[in-house]
PDB file of N, CA and C in Angstrom:
ATOM      1  N   UNK A   1       0.901  -1.003  -0.357  1.00  0.00           N
ATOM      2  CA  UNK A   1       0.017   0.002  -0.291  1.00  0.00           C
ATOM      3  C   UNK A   1       0.828   1.359   0.113  1.00  0.00           C
ATOM      4  N   UNK A   2       0.918   1.881  -0.797  1.00  0.00           N
ATOM      5  CA  UNK A   2       1.691   3.206  -1.125  1.00  0.00           C
ATOM      6  C   UNK A   2       1.063   4.004  -0.814  1.00  0.00           C
ATOM      7  N   UNK A   3      -0.175   4.228  -0.622  1.00  0.00           N
ATOM      8  CA  UNK A   3      -0.702   5.851  -0.402  1.00  0.00           C
ATOM      9  C   UNK A   3      -1.453   5.627   0.960  1.00  0.00           C
ATOM     10  N   UNK A   4      -0.821   4.836   2.104  1.00  0.00           N
ATOM     11  CA  UNK A   4      -1.009   4.822   3.201  1.00  0.00           C
ATOM     12  C   UNK A   4       0.070   5.858   4.170  1.00  0.00           C
ATOM     13  N   UNK A   5      -0.693   6.858   4.792  1.00  0.00           N
ATOM     14  CA  UNK A   5       0.399   7.617   5.620  1.00  0.00           C
ATOM     15  C   UNK A   5       0.493   6.704   7.003  1.00  0.00           C
ATOM     16  N   UNK A   6       1.689   6.795   7.422  1.00  0.00           N
ATOM     17  CA  UNK A   6       2.301   6.386   8.702  1.00  0.00           C
ATOM     18  C   UNK A   6       2.559   7.367   9.459  1.00  0.00           C
ATOM     19  N   UNK A   7       2.002   7.576  10.693  1.00  0.00           N
ATOM     20  CA  UNK A   7       2.513   8.671  11.847  1.00  0.00           C
ATOM     21  C   UNK A   7       2.835   7.905  13.130  1.00  0.00           C
ATOM     22  N   UNK A   8       4.222   7.095  12.913  1.00  0.00           N
ATOM     23  CA  UNK A   8       4.355   5.871  13.958  1.00  0.00           C
ATOM     24  C   UNK A   8       5.752   6.279  13.675  1.00  0.00           C
ATOM     25  N   UNK A   9       6.417   7.025  15.031  1.00  0.00           N
ATOM     26  CA  UNK A   9       8.013   7.249  14.876  1.00  0.00           C
ATOM     27  C   UNK A   9       8.926   5.945  14.927  1.00  0.00           C
ATOM     28  N   UNK A  10       8.446   4.927  15.788  1.00  0.00           N
ATOM     29  CA  UNK A  10       8.981   3.838  16.103  1.00  0.00           C
ATOM     30  C   UNK A  10       9.065   2.983  14.664  1.00  0.00           C
ATOM     31  N   UNK A  11       7.826   2.866  14.001  1.00  0.00           N
ATOM     32  CA  UNK A  11       7.851   2.052  12.879  1.00  0.00           C
ATOM     33  C   UNK A  11       8.765   2.561  11.785  1.00  0.00           C
ATOM     34  N   UNK A  12       8.550   4.266  11.675  1.00  0.00           N
ATOM     35  CA  UNK A  12       9.573   4.713  10.853  1.00  0.00           C
ATOM     36  C   UNK A  12      10.966   4.489  11.166  1.00  0.00           C
ATOM     37  N   UNK A  13      11.637   4.116  12.204  1.00  0.00           N
ATOM     38  CA  UNK A  13      12.744   3.883  12.423  1.00  0.00           C
ATOM     39  C   UNK A  13      13.187   2.830  11.882  1.00  0.00           C
ATOM     40  N   UNK A  14      12.602   1.864  11.348  1.00  0.00           N
ATOM     41  CA  UNK A  14      12.904   0.469  10.728  1.00  0.00           C
ATOM     42  C   UNK A  14      13.083   0.725   9.338  1.00  0.00           C
ATOM     43  N   UNK A  15      12.875   1.953   8.870  1.00  0.00           N
ATOM     44  CA  UNK A  15      13.175   2.297   7.250  1.00  0.00           C
ATOM     45  C   UNK A  15      12.116   1.868   6.399  1.00  0.00           C
ATOM     46  N   UNK A  16      12.381   1.809   4.956  1.00  0.00           N
ATOM     47  CA  UNK A  16      11.801   1.635   3.991  1.00  0.00           C
ATOM     48  C   UNK A  16      11.415   0.033   3.886  1.00  0.00           C
ATOM     49  N   UNK A  17      10.440  -0.428   3.497  1.00  0.00           N
ATOM     50  CA  UNK A  17       9.928  -1.725   3.437  1.00  0.00           C
ATOM     51  C   UNK A  17      10.731  -2.555   1.994  1.00  0.00           C
ATOM     52  N   UNK A  18      11.312  -3.438   2.353  1.00  0.00           N
ATOM     53  CA  UNK A  18      12.019  -4.239   1.225  1.00  0.00           C
ATOM     54  C   UNK A  18      11.512  -5.554   1.181  1.00  0.00           C
ATOM     55  N   UNK A  19      10.775  -5.756   0.046  1.00  0.00           N
ATOM     56  CA  UNK A  19      10.275  -7.223  -0.573  1.00  0.00           C
ATOM     57  C   UNK A  19      11.372  -8.280  -0.531  1.00  0.00           C
ATOM     58  N   UNK A  20      10.904  -9.294  -0.215  1.00  0.00           N
ATOM     59  CA  UNK A  20      11.973 -10.577   0.167  1.00  0.00           C
ATOM     60  C   UNK A  20      11.304 -11.426  -1.114  1.00  0.00           C
ATOM     61  N   UNK A  21      12.214 -11.939  -1.913  1.00  0.00           N
ATOM     62  CA  UNK A  21      11.515 -12.943  -2.861  1.00  0.00           C
ATOM     63  C   UNK A  21      11.516 -14.350  -2.176  1.00  0.00           C
ATOM     64  N   UNK A  22      11.555 -14.850  -1.009  1.00  0.00           N
ATOM     65  CA  UNK A  22      12.055 -15.983  -0.163  1.00  0.00           C
ATOM     66  C   UNK A  22      10.431 -16.443  -0.285  1.00  0.00           C
ATOM     67  N   UNK A  23      10.333 -17.563  -0.844  1.00  0.00           N
ATOM     68  CA  UNK A  23       9.198 -18.232  -0.777  1.00  0.00           C
ATOM     69  C   UNK A  23       8.920 -18.900   0.000  1.00  0.00           C
ATOM     70  N   UNK A  24       7.648 -18.408   0.940  1.00  0.00           N
ATOM     71  CA  UNK A  24       7.564 -19.301   2.467  1.00  0.00           C
ATOM     72  C   UNK A  24       6.959 -20.278   2.081  1.00  0.00           C
ATOM     73  N   UNK A  25       6.088 -20.797   1.328  1.00  0.00           N
ATOM     74  CA  UNK A  25       5.700 -22.126   0.981  1.00  0.00           C
ATOM     75  C   UNK A  25       6.580 -23.250   0.780  1.00  0.00           C
ATOM     76  N   UNK A  26       7.996 -22.572   0.142  1.00  0.00           N
ATOM     77  CA  UNK A  26       8.909 -23.615   0.195  1.00  0.00           C
ATOM     78  C   UNK A  26       9.288 -23.870   1.799  1.00  0.00           C
ATOM     79  N   UNK A  27       9.650 -23.247   2.571  1.00  0.00           N
ATOM     80  CA  UNK A  27       9.878 -23.180   3.653  1.00  0.00           C
ATOM     81  C   UNK A  27       9.321 -24.333   4.349  1.00  0.00           C
ATOM     82  N   UNK A  28       8.078 -24.124   4.264  1.00  0.00           N
ATOM     83  CA  UNK A  28       6.980 -24.840   5.043  1.00  0.00           C
ATOM     84  C   UNK A  28       7.176 -26.357   4.511  1.00  0.00           C
ATOM     85  N   UNK A  29       7.471 -26.695   3.079  1.00  0.00           N
ATOM     86  CA  UNK A  29       7.293 -27.963   2.753  1.00  0.00           C
ATOM     87  C   UNK A  29       8.818 -28.285   3.080  1.00  0.00           C
ATOM     88  N   UNK A  30       9.535 -28.009   3.328  1.00  0.00           N
ATOM     89  CA  UNK A  30      10.981 -28.381   4.082  1.00  0.00           C
ATOM     90  C   UNK A  30      11.110 -28.496   5.433  1.00  0.00           C
ATOM     91  N   UNK A  31      10.271 -27.953   6.182  1.00  0.00           N
ATOM     92  CA  UNK A  31      10.179 -27.963   7.399  1.00  0.00           C
ATOM     93  C   UNK A  31      10.241 -29.075   8.207  1.00  0.00           C
ATOM     94  N   UNK A  32       9.736 -30.109   7.778  1.00  0.00           N
ATOM     95  CA  UNK A  32       9.614 -31.608   8.715  1.00  0.00           C
ATOM     96  C   UNK A  32      11.079 -31.934   8.438  1.00  0.00           C
ATOM     97  N   UNK A  33      11.595 -31.971   7.174  1.00  0.00           N
ATOM     98  CA  UNK A  33      12.700 -32.462   7.003  1.00  0.00           C
ATOM     99  C   UNK A  33      14.102 -31.892   7.584  1.00  0.00           C
ATOM    100  N   UNK A  34      13.813 -30.427   7.717  1.00  0.00           N
ATOM    101  CA  UNK A  34      14.741 -29.561   8.641  1.00  0.00           C
ATOM    102  C   UNK A  34      14.736 -30.130  10.081  1.00  0.00           C
ATOM    103  N   UNK A  35      13.290 -30.050  10.681  1.00  0.00           N
ATOM    104  CA  UNK A  35      13.424 -30.540  11.966  1.00  0.00           C
ATOM    105  C   UNK A  35      13.979 -31.664  12.322  1.00  0.00           C
ATOM    106  N   UNK A  36      13.372 -32.696  11.239  1.00  0.00           N
ATOM    107  CA  UNK A  36      14.335 -34.387  11.567  1.00  0.00           C
ATOM    108  C   UNK A  36      15.849 -34.335  11.836  1.00  0.00           C
ATOM    109  N   UNK A  37      16.386 -33.282  10.995  1.00  0.00           N
ATOM    110  CA  UNK A  37      17.896 -32.911  10.984  1.00  0.00           C
ATOM    111  C   UNK A  37      18.102 -32.323  12.275  1.00  0.00           C
ATOM    112  N   UNK A  38      17.551 -31.413  12.647  1.00  0.00           N
ATOM    113  CA  UNK A  38      18.066 -30.993  13.902  1.00  0.00           C
ATOM    114  C   UNK A  38      17.891 -31.710  14.969  1.00  0.00           C
ATOM    115  N   UNK A  39      16.815 -32.709  15.341  1.00  0.00           N
ATOM    116  CA  UNK A  39      16.808 -33.572  16.265  1.00  0.00           C
ATOM    117  C   UNK A  39      17.796 -34.695  16.275  1.00  0.00           C
ATOM    118  N   UNK A  40      18.168 -35.173  14.746  1.00  0.00           N
ATOM    119  CA  UNK A  40      19.190 -35.899  14.899  1.00  0.00           C
ATOM    120  C   UNK A  40      20.723 -35.161  15.458  1.00  0.00           C
ATOM    121  N   UNK A  41      21.028 -34.135  14.982  1.00  0.00           N
ATOM    122  CA  UNK A  41      22.092 -33.308  15.588  1.00  0.00           C
ATOM    123  C   UNK A  41      22.084 -33.135  17.104  1.00  0.00           C
ATOM    124  N   UNK A  42      20.842 -33.348  17.664  1.00  0.00           N
ATOM    125  CA  UNK A  42      20.797 -33.052  19.056  1.00  0.00           C
ATOM    126  C   UNK A  42      20.805 -31.358  19.342  1.00  0.00           C
ATOM    127  N   UNK A  43      20.552 -30.634  18.115  1.00  0.00           N
ATOM    128  CA  UNK A  43      20.311 -29.013  18.138  1.00  0.00           C
ATOM    129  C   UNK A  43      19.457 -28.578  18.990  1.00  0.00           C
ATOM    130  N   UNK A  44      19.374 -27.524  19.777  1.00  0.00           N
ATOM    131  CA  UNK A  44      18.328 -27.336  20.628  1.00  0.00           C
ATOM    132  C   UNK A  44      18.457 -25.632  20.724  1.00  0.00           C
TER     133      UNK A  44
END
C-alpha cells in the first residue's frame, strides 16, 4: 500500500519496506525434513 500515511515514529525507524523474494511456501514444505535433521544433530 503506497498511499497510506504512517504516523508512527517507532515504525519509521525501521526504514523502507523491502520485498523479499523468499518463497515461504517452500520453507513450509522443507520444515519437517529440517526438524528431523535438527533432532538427529541434537540441536536445541
